[in-house]
Amino acid sequence: NIDGAEEAKKMIKRYQIRARALDHAVGERKISSIQAALATWDFGRDDIHAVKARQALARRDQQKQKLHEAVQKRDGPRLHQVVNDWEFDRSDEDFQESLQALTRYEKMI
């Protein structure tokens, strides 16, 4: 049926657009963009694009945890490592706080 074929084409097009948006957000490592793209994702939760986006969010959360731990422990070498390993938006508040702590540490040594 022609209506079904048109509907299928529209769904495929919508999928392609949303998949590209997710992939782009993950590639740019912009958390707000990843979250926005996931919020509009209305396809399978187990789809590779959605999985990669959730993995990026989890990776960011793990990196934030490492930043917090290094700052709390005042572990300069570790702080240097986790700041250098940070792969997300450098304007992130936690990253900026860690960067300031690292700058203070480096002035002391």
PDB file of N, CA and C in Angstrom:
ATOM      1  N   ASN A   1       0.841  -1.175   0.000  1.00  0.00           N
ATOM      2  CA  ASN A   1       0.000   0.000   0.000  1.00  0.00           C
ATOM      3  C   ASN A   1       0.887   1.238   0.000  1.00  0.00           C
ATOM      4  N   ILE A   2       0.507   2.200  -0.766  1.00  0.00           N
ATOM      5  CA  ILE A   2       1.315   3.407  -0.971  1.00  0.00           C
ATOM      6  C   ILE A   2       1.420   4.229   0.308  1.00  0.00           C
ATOM      7  N   ASP A   3       0.329   4.332   1.056  1.00  0.00           N
ATOM      8  CA  ASP A   3       0.371   5.091   2.306  1.00  0.00           C
ATOM      9  C   ASP A   3       1.379   4.486   3.280  1.00  0.00           C
ATOM     10  N   GLY A   4       1.409   3.179   3.374  1.00  0.00           N
ATOM     11  CA  GLY A   4       2.353   2.494   4.252  1.00  0.00           C
ATOM     12  C   GLY A   4       3.788   2.723   3.831  1.00  0.00           C
ATOM     13  N   ALA A   5       4.023   2.731   2.524  1.00  0.00           N
ATOM     14  CA  ALA A   5       5.373   2.962   2.010  1.00  0.00           C
ATOM     15  C   ALA A   5       5.824   4.383   2.308  1.00  0.00           C
ATOM     16  N   GLU A   6       4.937   5.337   2.158  1.00  0.00           N
ATOM     17  CA  GLU A   6       5.273   6.738   2.453  1.00  0.00           C
ATOM     18  C   GLU A   6       5.557   6.911   3.943  1.00  0.00           C
ATOM     19  N   GLU A   7       4.736   6.278   4.756  1.00  0.00           N
ATOM     20  CA  GLU A   7       4.940   6.354   6.203  1.00  0.00           C
ATOM     21  C   GLU A   7       6.284   5.735   6.592  1.00  0.00           C
ATOM     22  N   ALA A   8       6.633   4.625   5.970  1.00  0.00           N
ATOM     23  CA  ALA A   8       7.914   3.968   6.245  1.00  0.00           C
ATOM     24  C   ALA A   8       9.075   4.870   5.838  1.00  0.00           C
ATOM     25  N   LYS A   9       8.960   5.518   4.676  1.00  0.00           N
ATOM     26  CA  LYS A   9      10.013   6.434   4.235  1.00  0.00           C
ATOM     27  C   LYS A   9      10.189   7.584   5.214  1.00  0.00           C
ATOM     28  N   LYS A  10       9.081   8.109   5.722  1.00  0.00           N
ATOM     29  CA  LYS A  10       9.142   9.214   6.695  1.00  0.00           C
ATOM     30  C   LYS A  10       9.820   8.758   7.985  1.00  0.00           C
ATOM     31  N   MET A  11       9.490   7.541   8.406  1.00  0.00           N
ATOM     32  CA  MET A  11      10.090   7.018   9.631  1.00  0.00           C
ATOM     33  C   MET A  11      11.596   6.812   9.449  1.00  0.00           C
ATOM     34  N   ILE A  12      11.989   6.288   8.311  1.00  0.00           N
ATOM     35  CA  ILE A  12      13.420   6.088   8.031  1.00  0.00           C
ATOM     36  C   ILE A  12      14.144   7.427   8.012  1.00  0.00           C
ATOM     37  N   LYS A  13      13.538   8.413   7.371  1.00  0.00           N
ATOM     38  CA  LYS A  13      14.144   9.749   7.300  1.00  0.00           C
ATOM     39  C   LYS A  13      14.286  10.335   8.709  1.00  0.00           C
ATOM     40  N   ARG A  14      13.225  10.203   9.538  1.00  0.00           N
ATOM     41  CA  ARG A  14      13.274  10.719  10.908  1.00  0.00           C
ATOM     42  C   ARG A  14      14.370  10.002  11.701  1.00  0.00           C
ATOM     43  N   TYR A  15      14.470   8.698  11.517  1.00  0.00           N
ATOM     44  CA  TYR A  15      15.517   7.918  12.187  1.00  0.00           C
ATOM     45  C   TYR A  15      16.905   8.425  11.783  1.00  0.00           C
ATOM     46  N   GLN A  16      17.111   8.626  10.492  1.00  0.00           N
ATOM     47  CA  GLN A  16      18.415   9.078  10.005  1.00  0.00           C
ATOM     48  C   GLN A  16      18.774  10.450  10.579  1.00  0.00           C
ATOM     49  N   ILE A  17      17.808  11.340  10.628  1.00  0.00           N
ATOM     50  CA  ILE A  17      18.045  12.686  11.165  1.00  0.00           C
ATOM     51  C   ILE A  17      18.402  12.608  12.645  1.00  0.00           C
ATOM     52  N   ARG A  18      17.631  11.831  13.398  1.00  0.00           N
ATOM     53  CA  ARG A  18      17.884  11.731  14.842  1.00  0.00           C
ATOM     54  C   ARG A  18      19.189  10.991  15.128  1.00  0.00           C
ATOM     55  N   ALA A  19      19.492   9.978  14.336  1.00  0.00           N
ATOM     56  CA  ALA A  19      20.748   9.234  14.518  1.00  0.00           C
ATOM     57  C   ALA A  19      21.931  10.156  14.245  1.00  0.00           C
ATOM     58  N   ARG A  20      21.843  10.962  13.191  1.00  0.00           N
ATOM     59  CA  ARG A  20      22.916  11.923  12.898  1.00  0.00           C
ATOM     60  C   ARG A  20      23.074  12.932  14.023  1.00  0.00           C
ATOM     61  N   ALA A  21      21.958  13.400  14.570  1.00  0.00           N
ATOM     62  CA  ALA A  21      22.012  14.370  15.674  1.00  0.00           C
ATOM     63  C   ALA A  21      22.709  13.758  16.892  1.00  0.00           C
ATOM     64  N   LEU A  22      22.369  12.518  17.203  1.00  0.00           N
ATOM     65  CA  LEU A  22      23.025  11.839  18.334  1.00  0.00           C
ATOM     66  C   LEU A  22      24.512  11.659  18.073  1.00  0.00           C
ATOM     67  N   ASP A  23      24.838  11.166  16.886  1.00  0.00           N
ATOM     68  CA  ASP A  23      26.240  10.933  16.548  1.00  0.00           C
ATOM     69  C   ASP A  23      27.042  12.229  16.584  1.00  0.00           C
ATOM     70  N   HIS A  24      26.436  13.297  16.082  1.00  0.00           N
ATOM     71  CA  HIS A  24      27.116  14.598  16.075  1.00  0.00           C
ATOM     72  C   HIS A  24      27.358  15.082  17.511  1.00  0.00           C
ATOM     73  N   ALA A  25      26.337  14.981  18.350  1.00  0.00           N
ATOM     74  CA  ALA A  25      26.463  15.415  19.742  1.00  0.00           C
ATOM     75  C   ALA A  25      27.543  14.613  20.469  1.00  0.00           C
ATOM     76  N   VAL A  26      27.563  13.306  20.247  1.00  0.00           N
ATOM     77  CA  VAL A  26      28.581  12.456  20.879  1.00  0.00           C
ATOM     78  C   VAL A  26      29.963  12.835  20.349  1.00  0.00           C
ATOM     79  N   GLY A  27      30.065  13.044  19.055  1.00  0.00           N
ATOM     80  CA  GLY A  27      31.346  13.406  18.450  1.00  0.00           C
ATOM     81  C   GLY A  27      31.885  14.726  18.969  1.00  0.00           C
ATOM     82  N   GLU A  28      30.995  15.663  19.226  1.00  0.00           N
ATOM     83  CA  GLU A  28      31.402  16.975  19.752  1.00  0.00           C
ATOM     84  C   GLU A  28      31.620  16.939  21.262  1.00  0.00           C
ATOM     85  N   ARG A  29      31.135  15.873  21.891  1.00  0.00           N
ATOM     86  CA  ARG A  29      31.250  15.699  23.348  1.00  0.00           C
ATOM     87  C   ARG A  29      30.585  16.830  24.122  1.00  0.00           C
ATOM     88  N   LYS A  30      29.476  17.303  23.578  1.00  0.00           N
ATOM     89  CA  LYS A  30      28.673  18.348  24.223  1.00  0.00           C
ATOM     90  C   LYS A  30      27.544  17.671  24.985  1.00  0.00           C
ATOM     91  N   ILE A  31      27.644  17.664  26.295  1.00  0.00           N
ATOM     92  CA  ILE A  31      26.699  16.934  27.127  1.00  0.00           C
ATOM     93  C   ILE A  31      25.274  17.443  26.943  1.00  0.00           C
ATOM     94  N   SER A  32      25.085  18.751  26.907  1.00  0.00           N
ATOM     95  CA  SER A  32      23.726  19.278  26.753  1.00  0.00           C
ATOM     96  C   SER A  32      23.122  18.844  25.423  1.00  0.00           C
ATOM     97  N   SER A  33      23.932  18.779  24.383  1.00  0.00           N
ATOM     98  CA  SER A  33      23.442  18.330  23.074  1.00  0.00           C
ATOM     99  C   SER A  33      23.122  16.841  23.087  1.00  0.00           C
ATOM    100  N   ILE A  34      23.957  16.062  23.764  1.00  0.00           N
ATOM    101  CA  ILE A  34      23.687  14.621  23.870  1.00  0.00           C
ATOM    102  C   ILE A  34      22.372  14.402  24.615  1.00  0.00           C
ATOM    103  N   GLN A  35      22.199  15.104  25.725  1.00  0.00           N
ATOM    104  CA  GLN A  35      20.980  14.951  26.513  1.00  0.00           C
ATOM    105  C   GLN A  35      19.748  15.376  25.719  1.00  0.00           C
ATOM    106  N   ALA A  36      19.862  16.469  24.975  1.00  0.00           N
ATOM    107  CA  ALA A  36      18.733  16.937  24.165  1.00  0.00           C
ATOM    108  C   ALA A  36      18.401  15.935  23.063  1.00  0.00           C
ATOM    109  N   ALA A  37      19.427  15.401  22.418  1.00  0.00           N
ATOM    110  CA  ALA A  37      19.199  14.428  21.350  1.00  0.00           C
ATOM    111  C   ALA A  37      18.589  13.141  21.905  1.00  0.00           C
ATOM    112  N   LEU A  38      19.039  12.721  23.079  1.00  0.00           N
ATOM    113  CA  LEU A  38      18.460  11.519  23.699  1.00  0.00           C
ATOM    114  C   LEU A  38      17.005  11.757  24.109  1.00  0.00           C
ATOM    115  N   ALA A  39      16.700  12.976  24.534  1.00  0.00           N
ATOM    116  CA  ALA A  39      15.336  13.295  24.965  1.00  0.00           C
ATOM    117  C   ALA A  39      14.344  13.184  23.811  1.00  0.00           C
ATOM    118  N   THR A  40      14.807  13.426  22.601  1.00  0.00           N
ATOM    119  CA  THR A  40      13.911  13.347  21.443  1.00  0.00           C
ATOM    120  C   THR A  40      14.020  12.006  20.726  1.00  0.00           C
ATOM    121  N   TRP A  41      14.872  11.131  21.219  1.00  0.00           N
ATOM    122  CA  TRP A  41      15.079   9.822  20.588  1.00  0.00           C
ATOM    123  C   TRP A  41      13.852   8.950  20.856  1.00  0.00           C
ATOM    124  N   ASP A  42      13.129   8.614  19.815  1.00  0.00           N
ATOM    125  CA  ASP A  42      11.934   7.794  20.004  1.00  0.00           C
ATOM    126  C   ASP A  42      12.047   6.460  19.269  1.00  0.00           C
ATOM    127  N   PHE A  43      13.282   5.989  19.179  1.00  0.00           N
ATOM    128  CA  PHE A  43      13.535   4.675  18.578  1.00  0.00           C
ATOM    129  C   PHE A  43      14.058   3.757  19.674  1.00  0.00           C
ATOM    130  N   GLY A  44      14.502   2.598  19.317  1.00  0.00           N
ATOM    131  CA  GLY A  44      14.899   1.602  20.302  1.00  0.00           C
ATOM    132  C   GLY A  44      15.987   2.070  21.252  1.00  0.00           C
ATOM    133  N   ARG A  45      15.796   1.757  22.519  1.00  0.00           N
ATOM    134  CA  ARG A  45      16.790   2.079  23.551  1.00  0.00           C
ATOM    135  C   ARG A  45      18.108   1.358  23.286  1.00  0.00           C
ATOM    136  N   ASP A  46      18.033   0.183  22.665  1.00  0.00           N
ATOM    137  CA  ASP A  46      19.229  -0.608  22.393  1.00  0.00           C
ATOM    138  C   ASP A  46      19.867  -0.285  21.040  1.00  0.00           C
ATOM    139  N   ASP A  47      19.334   0.701  20.343  1.00  0.00           N
ATOM    140  CA  ASP A  47      19.924   1.119  19.077  1.00  0.00           C
ATOM    141  C   ASP A  47      21.343   1.623  19.337  1.00  0.00           C
ATOM    142  N   ILE A  48      22.250   1.315  18.449  1.00  0.00           N
ATOM    143  CA  ILE A  48      23.672   1.640  18.639  1.00  0.00           C
ATOM    144  C   ILE A  48      23.905   3.138  18.875  1.00  0.00           C
ATOM    145  N   HIS A  49      23.122   3.990  18.240  1.00  0.00           N
ATOM    146  CA  HIS A  49      23.300   5.436  18.410  1.00  0.00           C
ATOM    147  C   HIS A  49      22.937   5.863  19.834  1.00  0.00           C
ATOM    148  N   ALA A  50      21.845   5.323  20.339  1.00  0.00           N
ATOM    149  CA  ALA A  50      21.427   5.644  21.708  1.00  0.00           C
ATOM    150  C   ALA A  50      22.395   5.049  22.727  1.00  0.00           C
ATOM    151  N   VAL A  51      22.865   3.861  22.461  1.00  0.00           N
ATOM    152  CA  VAL A  51      23.820   3.211  23.369  1.00  0.00           C
ATOM    153  C   VAL A  51      25.099   4.038  23.461  1.00  0.00           C
ATOM    154  N   LYS A  52      25.610   4.471  22.316  1.00  0.00           N
ATOM    155  CA  LYS A  52      26.846   5.276  22.321  1.00  0.00           C
ATOM    156  C   LYS A  52      26.641   6.595  23.060  1.00  0.00           C
ATOM    157  N   ALA A  53      25.470   7.184  22.915  1.00  0.00           N
ATOM    158  CA  ALA A  53      25.188   8.440  23.611  1.00  0.00           C
ATOM    159  C   ALA A  53      25.152   8.221  25.121  1.00  0.00           C
ATOM    160  N   ARG A  54      24.482   7.165  25.562  1.00  0.00           N
ATOM    161  CA  ARG A  54      24.447   6.867  26.996  1.00  0.00           C
ATOM    162  C   ARG A  54      25.839   6.518  27.522  1.00  0.00           C
ATOM    163  N   GLN A  55      26.634   5.842  26.715  1.00  0.00           N
ATOM    164  CA  GLN A  55      28.008   5.523  27.120  1.00  0.00           C
ATOM    165  C   GLN A  55      28.828   6.804  27.296  1.00  0.00           C
ATOM    166  N   ALA A  56      28.609   7.773  26.411  1.00  0.00           N
ATOM    167  CA  ALA A  56      29.325   9.052  26.530  1.00  0.00           C
ATOM    168  C   ALA A  56      28.935   9.757  27.825  1.00  0.00           C
ATOM    169  N   LEU A  57      27.644   9.736  28.156  1.00  0.00           N
ATOM    170  CA  LEU A  57      27.198  10.353  29.409  1.00  0.00           C
ATOM    171  C   LEU A  57      27.815   9.642  30.617  1.00  0.00           C
ATOM    172  N   ALA A  58      27.870   8.324  30.567  1.00  0.00           N
ATOM    173  CA  ALA A  58      28.462   7.555  31.667  1.00  0.00           C
ATOM    174  C   ALA A  58      29.959   7.847  31.788  1.00  0.00           C
ATOM    175  N   ARG A  59      30.637   7.954  30.646  1.00  0.00           N
ATOM    176  CA  ARG A  59      32.071   8.257  30.643  1.00  0.00           C
ATOM    177  C   ARG A  59      32.318   9.639  31.253  1.00  0.00           C
ATOM    178  N   ARG A  60      31.464  10.594  30.903  1.00  0.00           N
ATOM    179  CA  ARG A  60      31.598  11.939  31.470  1.00  0.00           C
ATOM    180  C   ARG A  60      31.399  11.884  32.981  1.00  0.00           C
ATOM    181  N   ASP A  61      30.390  11.135  33.438  1.00  0.00           N
ATOM    182  CA  ASP A  61      30.144  11.025  34.876  1.00  0.00           C
ATOM    183  C   ASP A  61      31.343  10.407  35.595  1.00  0.00           C
ATOM    184  N   GLN A  62      31.953   9.390  34.976  1.00  0.00           N
ATOM    185  CA  GLN A  62      33.143   8.760  35.566  1.00  0.00           C
ATOM    186  C   GLN A  62      34.304   9.749  35.623  1.00  0.00           C
ATOM    187  N   GLN A  63      34.471  10.531  34.575  1.00  0.00           N
ATOM    188  CA  GLN A  63      35.558  11.505  34.562  1.00  0.00           C
ATOM    189  C   GLN A  63      35.322  12.595  35.599  1.00  0.00           C
ATOM    190  N   LYS A  64      34.060  13.001  35.768  1.00  0.00           N
ATOM    191  CA  LYS A  64      33.750  13.996  36.799  1.00  0.00           C
ATOM    192  C   LYS A  64      34.088  13.446  38.187  1.00  0.00           C
ATOM    193  N   GLN A  65      33.752  12.186  38.399  1.00  0.00           N
ATOM    194  CA  GLN A  65      34.051  11.559  39.686  1.00  0.00           C
ATOM    195  C   GLN A  65      35.558  11.568  39.947  1.00  0.00           C
ATOM    196  N   LYS A  66      36.343  11.263  38.929  1.00  0.00           N
ATOM    197  CA  LYS A  66      37.805  11.277  39.075  1.00  0.00           C
ATOM    198  C   LYS A  66      38.314  12.684  39.359  1.00  0.00           C
ATOM    199  N   LEU A  67      37.709  13.690  38.728  1.00  0.00           N
ATOM    200  CA  LEU A  67      38.088  15.080  39.007  1.00  0.00           C
ATOM    201  C   LEU A  67      37.825  15.397  40.474  1.00  0.00           C
ATOM    202  N   HIS A  68      36.614  15.074  40.951  1.00  0.00           N
ATOM    203  CA  HIS A  68      36.241  15.354  42.346  1.00  0.00           C
ATOM    204  C   HIS A  68      37.185  14.665  43.319  1.00  0.00           C
ATOM    205  N   GLU A  69      37.486  13.405  43.062  1.00  0.00           N
ATOM    206  CA  GLU A  69      38.358  12.645  43.964  1.00  0.00           C
ATOM    207  C   GLU A  69      39.749  13.265  44.033  1.00  0.00           C
ATOM    208  N   ALA A  70      40.291  13.640  42.895  1.00  0.00           N
ATOM    209  CA  ALA A  70      41.642  14.223  42.867  1.00  0.00           C
ATOM    210  C   ALA A  70      41.675  15.556  43.595  1.00  0.00           C
ATOM    211  N   VAL A  71      40.627  16.365  43.428  1.00  0.00           N
ATOM    212  CA  VAL A  71      40.568  17.658  44.121  1.00  0.00           C
ATOM    213  C   VAL A  71      40.435  17.436  45.623  1.00  0.00           C
ATOM    214  N   GLN A  72      39.543  16.543  46.025  1.00  0.00           N
ATOM    215  CA  GLN A  72      39.328  16.282  47.452  1.00  0.00           C
ATOM    216  C   GLN A  72      40.572  15.745  48.134  1.00  0.00           C
ATOM    217  N   LYS A  73      41.299  14.880  47.445  1.00  0.00           N
ATOM    218  CA  LYS A  73      42.500  14.286  48.024  1.00  0.00           C
ATOM    219  C   LYS A  73      43.721  15.189  47.894  1.00  0.00           C
ATOM    220  N   ARG A  74      43.541  16.284  47.171  1.00  0.00           N
ATOM    221  CA  ARG A  74      44.650  17.224  46.920  1.00  0.00           C
ATOM    222  C   ARG A  74      45.854  16.485  46.330  1.00  0.00           C
ATOM    223  N   ASP A  75      45.546  15.614  45.416  1.00  0.00           N
ATOM    224  CA  ASP A  75      46.552  14.786  44.749  1.00  0.00           C
ATOM    225  C   ASP A  75      46.940  15.464  43.439  1.00  0.00           C
ATOM    226  N   GLY A  76      47.987  16.293  43.513  1.00  0.00           N
ATOM    227  CA  GLY A  76      48.414  17.081  42.362  1.00  0.00           C
ATOM    228  C   GLY A  76      48.716  16.266  41.113  1.00  0.00           C
ATOM    229  N   PRO A  77      49.562  15.238  41.207  1.00  0.00           N
ATOM    230  CA  PRO A  77      49.860  14.439  40.010  1.00  0.00           C
ATOM    231  C   PRO A  77      48.610  13.781  39.422  1.00  0.00           C
ATOM    232  N   ARG A  78      47.754  13.269  40.302  1.00  0.00           N
ATOM    233  CA  ARG A  78      46.521  12.630  39.821  1.00  0.00           C
ATOM    234  C   ARG A  78      45.603  13.677  39.188  1.00  0.00           C
ATOM    235  N   LEU A  79      45.522  14.846  39.793  1.00  0.00           N
ATOM    236  CA  LEU A  79      44.709  15.930  39.261  1.00  0.00           C
ATOM    237  C   LEU A  79      45.198  16.329  37.871  1.00  0.00           C
ATOM    238  N   HIS A  80      46.494  16.408  37.731  1.00  0.00           N
ATOM    239  CA  HIS A  80      47.085  16.731  36.427  1.00  0.00           C
ATOM    240  C   HIS A  80      46.648  15.703  35.385  1.00  0.00           C
ATOM    241  N   GLN A  81      46.687  14.438  35.767  1.00  0.00           N
ATOM    242  CA  GLN A  81      46.315  13.361  34.847  1.00  0.00           C
ATOM    243  C   GLN A  81      44.836  13.434  34.453  1.00  0.00           C
ATOM    244  N   VAL A  82      43.954  13.586  35.436  1.00  0.00           N
ATOM    245  CA  VAL A  82      42.518  13.573  35.116  1.00  0.00           C
ATOM    246  C   VAL A  82      42.081  14.832  34.369  1.00  0.00           C
ATOM    247  N   VAL A  83      42.749  15.950  34.640  1.00  0.00           N
ATOM    248  CA  VAL A  83      42.456  17.170  33.861  1.00  0.00           C
ATOM    249  C   VAL A  83      42.878  16.956  32.408  1.00  0.00           C
ATOM    250  N   ASN A  84      44.047  16.360  32.215  1.00  0.00           N
ATOM    251  CA  ASN A  84      44.507  16.089  30.847  1.00  0.00           C
ATOM    252  C   ASN A  84      43.648  15.050  30.130  1.00  0.00           C
ATOM    253  N   ASP A  85      43.073  14.128  30.882  1.00  0.00           N
ATOM    254  CA  ASP A  85      42.238  13.080  30.294  1.00  0.00           C
ATOM    255  C   ASP A  85      40.821  13.553  29.975  1.00  0.00           C
ATOM    256  N   TRP A  86      40.415  14.706  30.507  1.00  0.00           N
ATOM    257  CA  TRP A  86      39.048  15.213  30.319  1.00  0.00           C
ATOM    258  C   TRP A  86      38.765  15.375  28.832  1.00  0.00           C
ATOM    259  N   GLU A  87      37.674  14.776  28.371  1.00  0.00           N
ATOM    260  CA  GLU A  87      37.382  14.791  26.942  1.00  0.00           C
ATOM    261  C   GLU A  87      36.092  15.514  26.585  1.00  0.00           C
ATOM    262  N   PHE A  88      35.513  16.235  27.550  1.00  0.00           N
ATOM    263  CA  PHE A  88      34.241  16.898  27.299  1.00  0.00           C
ATOM    264  C   PHE A  88      34.412  18.412  27.316  1.00  0.00           C
ATOM    265  N   ASP A  89      33.305  19.103  27.320  1.00  0.00           N
ATOM    266  CA  ASP A  89      33.295  20.566  27.236  1.00  0.00           C
ATOM    267  C   ASP A  89      34.152  21.180  28.342  1.00  0.00           C
ATOM    268  N   ARG A  90      35.112  21.968  27.953  1.00  0.00           N
ATOM    269  CA  ARG A  90      36.035  22.555  28.920  1.00  0.00           C
ATOM    270  C   ARG A  90      35.396  23.677  29.734  1.00  0.00           C
ATOM    271  N   SER A  91      34.205  24.106  29.359  1.00  0.00           N
ATOM    272  CA  SER A  91      33.514  25.115  30.161  1.00  0.00           C
ATOM    273  C   SER A  91      32.721  24.477  31.305  1.00  0.00           C
ATOM    274  N   ASP A  92      32.739  23.152  31.398  1.00  0.00           N
ATOM    275  CA  ASP A  92      32.049  22.442  32.471  1.00  0.00           C
ATOM    276  C   ASP A  92      32.525  22.973  33.827  1.00  0.00           C
ATOM    277  N   GLU A  93      31.585  23.241  34.706  1.00  0.00           N
ATOM    278  CA  GLU A  93      31.892  23.845  36.004  1.00  0.00           C
ATOM    279  C   GLU A  93      32.866  22.999  36.831  1.00  0.00           C
ATOM    280  N   ASP A  94      32.655  21.693  36.868  1.00  0.00           N
ATOM    281  CA  ASP A  94      33.541  20.814  37.638  1.00  0.00           C
ATOM    282  C   ASP A  94      34.942  20.776  37.029  1.00  0.00           C
ATOM    283  N   PHE A  95      35.006  20.783  35.711  1.00  0.00           N
ATOM    284  CA  PHE A  95      36.312  20.796  35.062  1.00  0.00           C
ATOM    285  C   PHE A  95      37.040  22.097  35.388  1.00  0.00           C
ATOM    286  N   GLN A  96      36.327  23.215  35.316  1.00  0.00           N
ATOM    287  CA  GLN A  96      36.947  24.508  35.605  1.00  0.00           C
ATOM    288  C   GLN A  96      37.447  24.577  37.040  1.00  0.00           C
ATOM    289  N   GLU A  97      36.668  24.036  37.963  1.00  0.00           N
ATOM    290  CA  GLU A  97      37.088  23.992  39.370  1.00  0.00           C
ATOM    291  C   GLU A  97      38.365  23.165  39.531  1.00  0.00           C
ATOM    292  N   SER A  98      38.415  22.048  38.835  1.00  0.00           N
ATOM    293  CA  SER A  98      39.594  21.184  38.895  1.00  0.00           C
ATOM    294  C   SER A  98      40.805  21.853  38.261  1.00  0.00           C
ATOM    295  N   LEU A  99      40.575  22.546  37.180  1.00  0.00           N
ATOM    296  CA  LEU A  99      41.649  23.271  36.501  1.00  0.00           C
ATOM    297  C   LEU A  99      42.229  24.358  37.408  1.00  0.00           C
ATOM    298  N   GLN A 100      41.356  25.044  38.135  1.00  0.00           N
ATOM    299  CA  GLN A 100      41.819  26.066  39.079  1.00  0.00           C
ATOM    300  C   GLN A 100      42.631  25.433  40.211  1.00  0.00           C
ATOM    301  N   ALA A 101      42.165  24.286  40.690  1.00  0.00           N
ATOM    302  CA  ALA A 101      42.903  23.575  41.749  1.00  0.00           C
ATOM    303  C   ALA A 101      44.272  23.145  41.228  1.00  0.00           C
ATOM    304  N   LEU A 102      44.323  22.691  39.990  1.00  0.00           N
ATOM    305  CA  LEU A 102      45.598  22.286  39.400  1.00  0.00           C
ATOM    306  C   LEU A 102      46.530  23.481  39.265  1.00  0.00           C
ATOM    307  N   THR A 103      45.992  24.603  38.859  1.00  0.00           N
ATOM    308  CA  THR A 103      46.811  25.817  38.731  1.00  0.00           C
ATOM    309  C   THR A 103      47.392  26.219  40.092  1.00  0.00           C
ATOM    310  N   ARG A 104      46.572  26.126  41.141  1.00  0.00           N
ATOM    311  CA  ARG A 104      47.069  26.428  42.500  1.00  0.00           C
ATOM    312  C   ARG A 104      48.165  25.456  42.899  1.00  0.00           C
ATOM    313  N   TYR A 105      47.966  24.173  42.582  1.00  0.00           N
ATOM    314  CA  TYR A 105      48.968  23.157  42.908  1.00  0.00           C
ATOM    315  C   TYR A 105      50.282  23.442  42.184  1.00  0.00           C
ATOM    316  N   GLU A 106      50.189  23.761  40.908  1.00  0.00           N
ATOM    317  CA  GLU A 106      51.401  23.985  40.118  1.00  0.00           C
ATOM    318  C   GLU A 106      52.168  25.225  40.582  1.00  0.00           C
ATOM    319  N   LYS A 107      51.468  26.198  41.143  1.00  0.00           N
ATOM    320  CA  LYS A 107      52.139  27.386  41.685  1.00  0.00           C
ATOM    321  C   LYS A 107      52.916  27.049  42.956  1.00  0.00           C
ATOM    322  N   MET A 108      52.458  25.996  43.648  1.00  0.00           N
ATOM    323  CA  MET A 108      53.106  25.618  44.912  1.00  0.00           C
ATOM    324  C   MET A 108      54.363  24.796  44.685  1.00  0.00           C
ATOM    325  N   ILE A 109      54.461  24.132  43.549  1.00  0.00           N
ATOM    326  CA  ILE A 109      55.622  23.261  43.358  1.00  0.00           C
ATOM    327  C   ILE A 109      56.732  23.961  42.610  1.00  0.00           C
TER     328      ILE A 109
END
